[in-house]
Amino acid sequence: ANVMNSSTAKCWSCDVNNPHPIVAQAKQSPASNNYDGGFASNLMLKDLGLAIDAAQNVNAALPIGTATQELYRMISKHGLGDKDFGVMLHFLRGGGK
């Protein structure tokens, strides 16, 4: 993250709210606090649904958006919906309730 943040790759998710717990410790982001606080995964799921609905209204395909929506549905079903959306990294690495 330090290399990225010292170049043109610097961004909010890497600098302020990095989803990796080890990197996040320096910033006290939700990832350093068991993904508590932050922007809830259930809210991400809701927003993805709104975006996909809007795209369907103009006949636009969002295949990655739809796949991401399914992943956040899985997170919610595993009881992680109240956790920060960065919990996706933890979930994809085999973590869950």
C-alpha atoms as a PDB file:
ATOM      1  CA  ALA A   1       0.000   0.000   0.000  1.00  0.00           C
ATOM      2  CA  ASN A   2       2.860   2.389   0.735  1.00  0.00           C
ATOM      3  CA  VAL A   3       4.231   2.016  -2.797  1.00  0.00           C
ATOM      4  CA  MET A   4       0.803   2.639  -4.320  1.00  0.00           C
ATOM      5  CA  ASN A   5       0.121   5.616  -2.060  1.00  0.00           C
ATOM      6  CA  SER A   6       3.336   7.311  -3.133  1.00  0.00           C
ATOM      7  CA  SER A   7       2.373   7.134  -6.809  1.00  0.00           C
ATOM      8  CA  THR A   8      -0.554   7.925  -9.073  1.00  0.00           C
ATOM      9  CA  ALA A   9      -2.285   4.779  -7.771  1.00  0.00           C
ATOM     10  CA  LYS A  10      -3.100   6.532  -4.484  1.00  0.00           C
ATOM     11  CA  CYS A  11      -6.783   6.216  -3.671  1.00  0.00           C
ATOM     12  CA  TRP A  12      -9.171   6.328  -0.723  1.00  0.00           C
ATOM     13  CA  SER A  13      -9.573   2.578  -0.410  1.00  0.00           C
ATOM     14  CA  CYS A  14      -5.833   2.018  -0.260  1.00  0.00           C
ATOM     15  CA  ASP A  15      -4.887   5.022   1.847  1.00  0.00           C
ATOM     16  CA  VAL A  16      -7.794   5.428   4.289  1.00  0.00           C
ATOM     17  CA  ASN A  17      -9.962   2.303   4.316  1.00  0.00           C
ATOM     18  CA  ASN A  18      -7.713  -0.542   3.234  1.00  0.00           C
ATOM     19  CA  PRO A  19      -9.582  -3.863   3.637  1.00  0.00           C
ATOM     20  CA  HIS A  20      -6.467  -5.796   4.673  1.00  0.00           C
ATOM     21  CA  PRO A  21      -6.250  -5.949   8.490  1.00  0.00           C
ATOM     22  CA  ILE A  22      -2.461  -5.716   8.682  1.00  0.00           C
ATOM     23  CA  VAL A  23      -2.280  -2.664   6.418  1.00  0.00           C
ATOM     24  CA  ALA A  24      -5.332  -1.135   8.085  1.00  0.00           C
ATOM     25  CA  GLN A  25      -3.812  -1.178  11.592  1.00  0.00           C
ATOM     26  CA  ALA A  26      -1.904   2.013  10.877  1.00  0.00           C
ATOM     27  CA  LYS A  27      -5.093   3.835   9.834  1.00  0.00           C
ATOM     28  CA  GLN A  28      -7.576   2.402  12.354  1.00  0.00           C
ATOM     29  CA  SER A  29     -10.004   1.505   9.584  1.00  0.00           C
ATOM     30  CA  PRO A  30     -12.835  -1.050  10.027  1.00  0.00           C
ATOM     31  CA  ALA A  31     -10.521  -3.845   8.864  1.00  0.00           C
ATOM     32  CA  SER A  32      -8.354  -3.291  11.923  1.00  0.00           C
ATOM     33  CA  ASN A  33     -11.473  -3.573  14.118  1.00  0.00           C
ATOM     34  CA  ASN A  34     -12.933  -6.882  12.905  1.00  0.00           C
ATOM     35  CA  TYR A  35     -14.696  -4.951  10.107  1.00  0.00           C
ATOM     36  CA  ASP A  36     -16.985  -3.225  12.621  1.00  0.00           C
ATOM     37  CA  GLY A  37     -18.125   0.257  11.690  1.00  0.00           C
ATOM     38  CA  GLY A  38     -17.704   1.701   8.238  1.00  0.00           C
ATOM     39  CA  PHE A  39     -20.118   1.120   5.362  1.00  0.00           C
ATOM     40  CA  ALA A  40     -22.197  -2.012   6.016  1.00  0.00           C
ATOM     41  CA  SER A  41     -22.133  -4.815   3.475  1.00  0.00           C
ATOM     42  CA  ASN A  42     -25.945  -4.871   3.462  1.00  0.00           C
ATOM     43  CA  LEU A  43     -25.892  -1.226   2.342  1.00  0.00           C
ATOM     44  CA  MET A  44     -23.430  -2.158  -0.412  1.00  0.00           C
ATOM     45  CA  LEU A  45     -25.821  -4.916  -1.452  1.00  0.00           C
ATOM     46  CA  LYS A  46     -28.702  -2.408  -1.565  1.00  0.00           C
ATOM     47  CA  ASP A  47     -26.664   0.070  -3.632  1.00  0.00           C
ATOM     48  CA  LEU A  48     -25.561  -2.642  -6.042  1.00  0.00           C
ATOM     49  CA  GLY A  49     -29.221  -3.558  -6.518  1.00  0.00           C
ATOM     50  CA  LEU A  50     -30.084   0.063  -7.302  1.00  0.00           C
ATOM     51  CA  ALA A  51     -27.255   0.314  -9.828  1.00  0.00           C
ATOM     52  CA  ILE A  52     -28.209  -2.962 -11.510  1.00  0.00           C
ATOM     53  CA  ASP A  53     -31.877  -1.930 -11.676  1.00  0.00           C
ATOM     54  CA  ALA A  54     -30.906   1.404 -13.243  1.00  0.00           C
ATOM     55  CA  ALA A  55     -28.719  -0.365 -15.785  1.00  0.00           C
ATOM     56  CA  GLN A  56     -31.522  -2.771 -16.695  1.00  0.00           C
ATOM     57  CA  ASN A  57     -33.840   0.202 -17.293  1.00  0.00           C
ATOM     58  CA  VAL A  58     -31.546   1.360 -20.101  1.00  0.00           C
ATOM     59  CA  ASN A  59     -30.705  -2.158 -21.326  1.00  0.00           C
ATOM     60  CA  ALA A  60     -27.123  -1.987 -20.107  1.00  0.00           C
ATOM     61  CA  ALA A  61     -25.363  -5.114 -18.899  1.00  0.00           C
ATOM     62  CA  LEU A  62     -23.343  -5.073 -15.681  1.00  0.00           C
ATOM     63  CA  PRO A  63     -21.898  -8.595 -15.498  1.00  0.00           C
ATOM     64  CA  ILE A  64     -19.286  -7.732 -12.876  1.00  0.00           C
ATOM     65  CA  GLY A  65     -21.869  -5.771 -10.908  1.00  0.00           C
ATOM     66  CA  THR A  66     -24.206  -8.755 -10.938  1.00  0.00           C
ATOM     67  CA  ALA A  67     -21.415 -11.107  -9.825  1.00  0.00           C
ATOM     68  CA  THR A  68     -20.477  -8.689  -7.040  1.00  0.00           C
ATOM     69  CA  GLN A  69     -24.110  -8.490  -5.958  1.00  0.00           C
ATOM     70  CA  GLU A  70     -24.150 -12.281  -5.610  1.00  0.00           C
ATOM     71  CA  LEU A  71     -21.007 -12.188  -3.463  1.00  0.00           C
ATOM     72  CA  TYR A  72     -22.555  -9.597  -1.143  1.00  0.00           C
ATOM     73  CA  ARG A  73     -25.718 -11.715  -0.937  1.00  0.00           C
ATOM     74  CA  MET A  74     -23.515 -14.586   0.229  1.00  0.00           C
ATOM     75  CA  ILE A  75     -21.889 -12.349   2.837  1.00  0.00           C
ATOM     76  CA  SER A  76     -25.304 -11.323   4.110  1.00  0.00           C
ATOM     77  CA  LYS A  77     -26.482 -14.934   4.279  1.00  0.00           C
ATOM     78  CA  HIS A  78     -23.369 -15.790   6.297  1.00  0.00           C
ATOM     79  CA  GLY A  79     -24.272 -13.194   8.911  1.00  0.00           C
ATOM     80  CA  LEU A  80     -21.707 -10.599   7.844  1.00  0.00           C
ATOM     81  CA  GLY A  81     -24.123  -8.013   6.439  1.00  0.00           C
ATOM     82  CA  ASP A  82     -23.554  -5.574   9.303  1.00  0.00           C
ATOM     83  CA  LYS A  83     -19.786  -5.656   8.793  1.00  0.00           C
ATOM     84  CA  ASP A  84     -17.934  -3.066   6.684  1.00  0.00           C
ATOM     85  CA  PHE A  85     -17.974  -3.865   2.971  1.00  0.00           C
ATOM     86  CA  GLY A  86     -14.226  -4.587   3.176  1.00  0.00           C
ATOM     87  CA  VAL A  87     -15.135  -7.858   4.895  1.00  0.00           C
ATOM     88  CA  MET A  88     -15.309  -9.202   1.328  1.00  0.00           C
ATOM     89  CA  LEU A  89     -11.536  -9.783   1.480  1.00  0.00           C
ATOM     90  CA  HIS A  90     -11.918 -11.793   4.685  1.00  0.00           C
ATOM     91  CA  PHE A  91     -14.850 -13.738   3.204  1.00  0.00           C
ATOM     92  CA  LEU A  92     -13.059 -14.566  -0.050  1.00  0.00           C
ATOM     93  CA  ARG A  93     -10.074 -15.817   1.943  1.00  0.00           C
ATOM     94  CA  GLY A  94     -12.352 -18.377   3.602  1.00  0.00           C
ATOM     95  CA  GLY A  95     -13.497 -16.357   6.602  1.00  0.00           C
ATOM     96  CA  GLY A  96     -17.081 -16.211   7.710  1.00  0.00           C
ATOM     97  CA  LYS A  97     -19.324 -16.884  10.626  1.00  0.00           C
END
